[in-house]
C-alpha atoms as a PDB file:
ATOM      1  CA  MET A   1      32.147 -13.320  -4.916  1.00  0.00           C
ATOM      2  CA  ALA A   2      30.396 -16.341  -3.490  1.00  0.00           C
ATOM      3  CA  LEU A   3      31.634 -17.783  -0.208  1.00  0.00           C
ATOM      4  CA  SER A   4      31.106 -21.416   0.631  1.00  0.00           C
ATOM      5  CA  ALA A   5      29.817 -22.214   4.070  1.00  0.00           C
ATOM      6  CA  ILE A   6      31.916 -24.363   6.364  1.00  0.00           C
ATOM      7  CA  LYS A   7      29.870 -27.394   7.202  1.00  0.00           C
ATOM      8  CA  SER A   8      29.564 -28.739  10.770  1.00  0.00           C
ATOM      9  CA  GLY A   9      31.377 -31.972  11.522  1.00  0.00           C
ATOM     10  CA  ALA A  10      29.033 -34.956  11.746  1.00  0.00           C
ATOM     11  CA  LEU A  11      29.705 -36.976  14.921  1.00  0.00           C
ATOM     12  CA  VAL A  12      30.944 -40.338  13.894  1.00  0.00           C
ATOM     13  CA  SER A  13      32.924 -43.157  15.598  1.00  0.00           C
ATOM     14  CA  LEU A  14      35.926 -44.555  13.808  1.00  0.00           C
ATOM     15  CA  LYS A  15      34.247 -47.955  13.697  1.00  0.00           C
ATOM     16  CA  ASP A  16      31.228 -46.468  11.853  1.00  0.00           C
ATOM     17  CA  LEU A  17      33.483 -44.476   9.510  1.00  0.00           C
ATOM     18  CA  MET A  18      36.143 -46.875   8.409  1.00  0.00           C
ATOM     19  CA  HIS A  19      34.354 -49.077   5.925  1.00  0.00           C
ATOM     20  CA  PRO A  20      33.835 -47.936   2.342  1.00  0.00           C
ATOM     21  CA  SER A  21      30.120 -48.714   2.566  1.00  0.00           C
ATOM     22  CA  SER A  22      29.659 -46.221   5.395  1.00  0.00           C
ATOM     23  CA  GLU A  23      27.415 -43.258   4.633  1.00  0.00           C
ATOM     24  CA  PHE A  24      30.206 -41.074   6.126  1.00  0.00           C
ATOM     25  CA  PHE A  25      33.019 -42.514   4.058  1.00  0.00           C
ATOM     26  CA  LYS A  26      32.850 -39.877   1.307  1.00  0.00           C
ATOM     27  CA  ASP A  27      35.538 -37.583  -0.039  1.00  0.00           C
ATOM     28  CA  GLY A  28      35.008 -34.140   1.355  1.00  0.00           C
ATOM     29  CA  ALA A  29      32.628 -35.230   4.164  1.00  0.00           C
ATOM     30  CA  SER A  30      32.881 -32.926   7.198  1.00  0.00           C
ATOM     31  CA  LEU A  31      33.304 -35.096  10.295  1.00  0.00           C
ATOM     32  CA  ARG A  32      34.063 -35.014  14.033  1.00  0.00           C
ATOM     33  CA  VAL A  33      36.100 -38.051  15.228  1.00  0.00           C
ATOM     34  CA  THR A  34      37.476 -38.971  18.600  1.00  0.00           C
ATOM     35  CA  GLY A  35      40.275 -41.406  19.497  1.00  0.00           C
ATOM     36  CA  LYS A  36      43.519 -42.011  21.353  1.00  0.00           C
ATOM     37  CA  LEU A  37      46.616 -40.548  19.746  1.00  0.00           C
ATOM     38  CA  VAL A  38      49.144 -43.352  19.233  1.00  0.00           C
ATOM     39  CA  GLU A  39      51.523 -41.901  16.693  1.00  0.00           C
ATOM     40  CA  TYR A  40      52.607 -38.424  15.538  1.00  0.00           C
ATOM     41  CA  SER A  41      55.184 -37.209  12.993  1.00  0.00           C
ATOM     42  CA  VAL A  42      56.431 -33.652  13.498  1.00  0.00           C
ATOM     43  CA  GLU A  43      57.932 -33.667   9.936  1.00  0.00           C
ATOM     44  CA  THR A  44      54.624 -34.512   8.207  1.00  0.00           C
ATOM     45  CA  ALA A  45      52.139 -33.247  10.916  1.00  0.00           C
ATOM     46  CA  ILE A  46      50.368 -36.623  10.495  1.00  0.00           C
ATOM     47  CA  ALA A  47      48.764 -38.114  13.618  1.00  0.00           C
ATOM     48  CA  ILE A  48      47.174 -41.524  13.988  1.00  0.00           C
ATOM     49  CA  ILE A  49      44.290 -42.014  16.385  1.00  0.00           C
ATOM     50  CA  VAL A  50      42.720 -45.291  17.407  1.00  0.00           C
ATOM     51  CA  ASP A  51      39.413 -46.356  18.804  1.00  0.00           C
ATOM     52  CA  GLY A  52      39.197 -50.055  19.567  1.00  0.00           C
ATOM     53  CA  ASN A  53      40.893 -51.799  16.713  1.00  0.00           C
ATOM     54  CA  VAL A  54      40.229 -49.035  14.088  1.00  0.00           C
ATOM     55  CA  ASN A  55      42.634 -46.200  13.260  1.00  0.00           C
ATOM     56  CA  LEU A  56      42.532 -43.051  11.204  1.00  0.00           C
ATOM     57  CA  LYS A  57      45.272 -40.693   9.943  1.00  0.00           C
ATOM     58  CA  ILE A  58      44.806 -37.023  10.840  1.00  0.00           C
ATOM     59  CA  ASP A  59      46.499 -34.187   8.977  1.00  0.00           C
ATOM     60  CA  THR A  60      47.213 -31.610  11.692  1.00  0.00           C
ATOM     61  CA  GLN A  61      49.239 -29.085   9.633  1.00  0.00           C
ATOM     62  CA  HIS A  62      46.710 -26.249  10.365  1.00  0.00           C
ATOM     63  CA  LEU A  63      46.537 -26.850  14.109  1.00  0.00           C
ATOM     64  CA  ILE A  64      49.573 -24.843  15.193  1.00  0.00           C
ATOM     65  CA  GLU A  65      48.237 -24.122  18.679  1.00  0.00           C
ATOM     66  CA  LEU A  66      47.409 -27.728  19.556  1.00  0.00           C
ATOM     67  CA  SER A  67      49.717 -29.433  22.052  1.00  0.00           C
ATOM     68  CA  ILE A  68      50.274 -33.072  20.921  1.00  0.00           C
ATOM     69  CA  ARG A  69      50.796 -35.825  23.476  1.00  0.00           C
ATOM     70  CA  ILE A  70      51.028 -39.526  22.563  1.00  0.00           C
ATOM     71  CA  GLY A  71      48.544 -41.539  24.674  1.00  0.00           C
ATOM     72  CA  SER A  72      46.059 -38.645  25.069  1.00  0.00           C
ATOM     73  CA  ILE A  73      42.554 -38.646  23.699  1.00  0.00           C
ATOM     74  CA  TYR A  74      41.708 -36.103  20.986  1.00  0.00           C
ATOM     75  CA  GLN A  75      38.727 -34.950  19.048  1.00  0.00           C
ATOM     76  CA  PHE A  76      39.164 -33.586  15.562  1.00  0.00           C
ATOM     77  CA  ILE A  77      36.869 -31.784  13.125  1.00  0.00           C
ATOM     78  CA  GLY A  78      37.701 -31.633   9.471  1.00  0.00           C
ATOM     79  CA  GLU A  79      37.187 -32.950   6.004  1.00  0.00           C
ATOM     80  CA  LEU A  80      37.803 -36.531   4.894  1.00  0.00           C
ATOM     81  CA  LEU A  81      40.118 -37.122   1.979  1.00  0.00           C
ATOM     82  CA  VAL A  82      39.596 -40.544   0.446  1.00  0.00           C
ATOM     83  CA  GLN A  83      42.482 -41.682  -1.708  1.00  0.00           C
ATOM     84  CA  SER A  84      42.253 -43.971  -4.694  1.00  0.00           C
ATOM     85  CA  ASP A  85      43.193 -47.057  -2.602  1.00  0.00           C
ATOM     86  CA  ASN A  86      40.263 -46.295  -0.180  1.00  0.00           C
ATOM     87  CA  GLU A  87      42.707 -45.101   2.442  1.00  0.00           C
ATOM     88  CA  ALA A  88      41.326 -42.059   4.292  1.00  0.00           C
ATOM     89  CA  ILE A  89      42.890 -39.087   6.008  1.00  0.00           C
ATOM     90  CA  LEU A  90      41.032 -36.371   7.891  1.00  0.00           C
ATOM     91  CA  LYS A  91      42.349 -32.861   7.133  1.00  0.00           C
ATOM     92  CA  ALA A  92      41.711 -31.317  10.557  1.00  0.00           C
ATOM     93  CA  ARG A  93      40.615 -27.698  10.918  1.00  0.00           C
ATOM     94  CA  VAL A  94      39.903 -28.030  14.678  1.00  0.00           C
ATOM     95  CA  GLY A  95      41.507 -30.279  17.291  1.00  0.00           C
ATOM     96  CA  ARG A  96      41.262 -30.484  21.046  1.00  0.00           C
ATOM     97  CA  ASN A  97      42.445 -32.697  23.846  1.00  0.00           C
ATOM     98  CA  VAL A  98      39.562 -34.511  25.562  1.00  0.00           C
ATOM     99  CA  ASP A  99      41.491 -36.516  28.145  1.00  0.00           C
ATOM    100  CA  GLY A 100      39.113 -37.719  30.869  1.00  0.00           C
ATOM    101  CA  ILE A 101      36.276 -38.499  28.436  1.00  0.00           C
ATOM    102  CA  ASP A 102      34.603 -41.874  29.039  1.00  0.00           C
ATOM    103  CA  LEU A 103      34.772 -43.413  25.612  1.00  0.00           C
ATOM    104  CA  ASN A 104      32.180 -46.118  26.435  1.00  0.00           C
ATOM    105  CA  LEU A 105      29.687 -43.452  27.542  1.00  0.00           C
ATOM    106  CA  TYR A 106      30.592 -41.392  24.443  1.00  0.00           C
ATOM    107  CA  HIS A 107      29.804 -44.375  22.196  1.00  0.00           C
ATOM    108  CA  GLN A 108      26.477 -44.965  23.968  1.00  0.00           C
ATOM    109  CA  SER A 109      25.543 -41.343  23.482  1.00  0.00           C
ATOM    110  CA  LEU A 110      26.368 -41.593  19.753  1.00  0.00           C
ATOM    111  CA  GLN A 111      24.093 -44.637  19.460  1.00  0.00           C
ATOM    112  CA  LEU A 112      21.269 -42.818  21.257  1.00  0.00           C
ATOM    113  CA  LEU A 113      21.763 -39.729  19.011  1.00  0.00           C
ATOM    114  CA  ARG A 114      21.597 -41.935  15.873  1.00  0.00           C
ATOM    115  CA  GLN A 115      18.414 -43.613  17.199  1.00  0.00           C
ATOM    116  CA  PHE A 116      16.788 -40.292  18.039  1.00  0.00           C
ATOM    117  CA  GLN A 117      17.677 -38.890  14.600  1.00  0.00           C
ATOM    118  CA  ALA A 118      16.304 -41.951  12.881  1.00  0.00           C
ATOM    119  CA  ASP A 119      13.027 -41.830  14.905  1.00  0.00           C
ATOM    120  CA  HIS A 120      12.721 -38.088  14.265  1.00  0.00           C
ATOM    121  CA  LEU A 121      13.198 -38.585  10.576  1.00  0.00           C
ATOM    122  CA  ASN A 122      10.574 -41.394  10.496  1.00  0.00           C
ATOM    123  CA  LYS A 123       8.042 -39.204  12.286  1.00  0.00           C
ATOM    124  CA  ARG A 124       8.544 -36.385   9.771  1.00  0.00           C
ATOM    125  CA  THR A 125       8.044 -38.690   6.768  1.00  0.00           C
ATOM    126  CA  ASN A 126       4.852 -40.293   8.157  1.00  0.00           C
END
């Protein structure tokens, strides 16, 4: 019996994710996203997080131990499900409250990480 490995969640900002031409906007992509929780439905276990003017639906049905508070900042790791109308929902397998995080500094670190990864890839191919 073959077991499939769980992939790590690629760090991605909502802004970088939420356009269909994004390299991360793929059905089944394993992602880590961060944003402020603005809406949550107990009946459906669907949360909505925002970062700037971009939002993403999060399916939290498997996160039974997570305490949900509107207005708090959360980070979720899971798989992206892209529907036929290009609407996306992240099926979360991990979630945590990250209140206190400086989102501007977080975005700067993501940019530096992307730059480092691109430079490292270029050095390996030359």
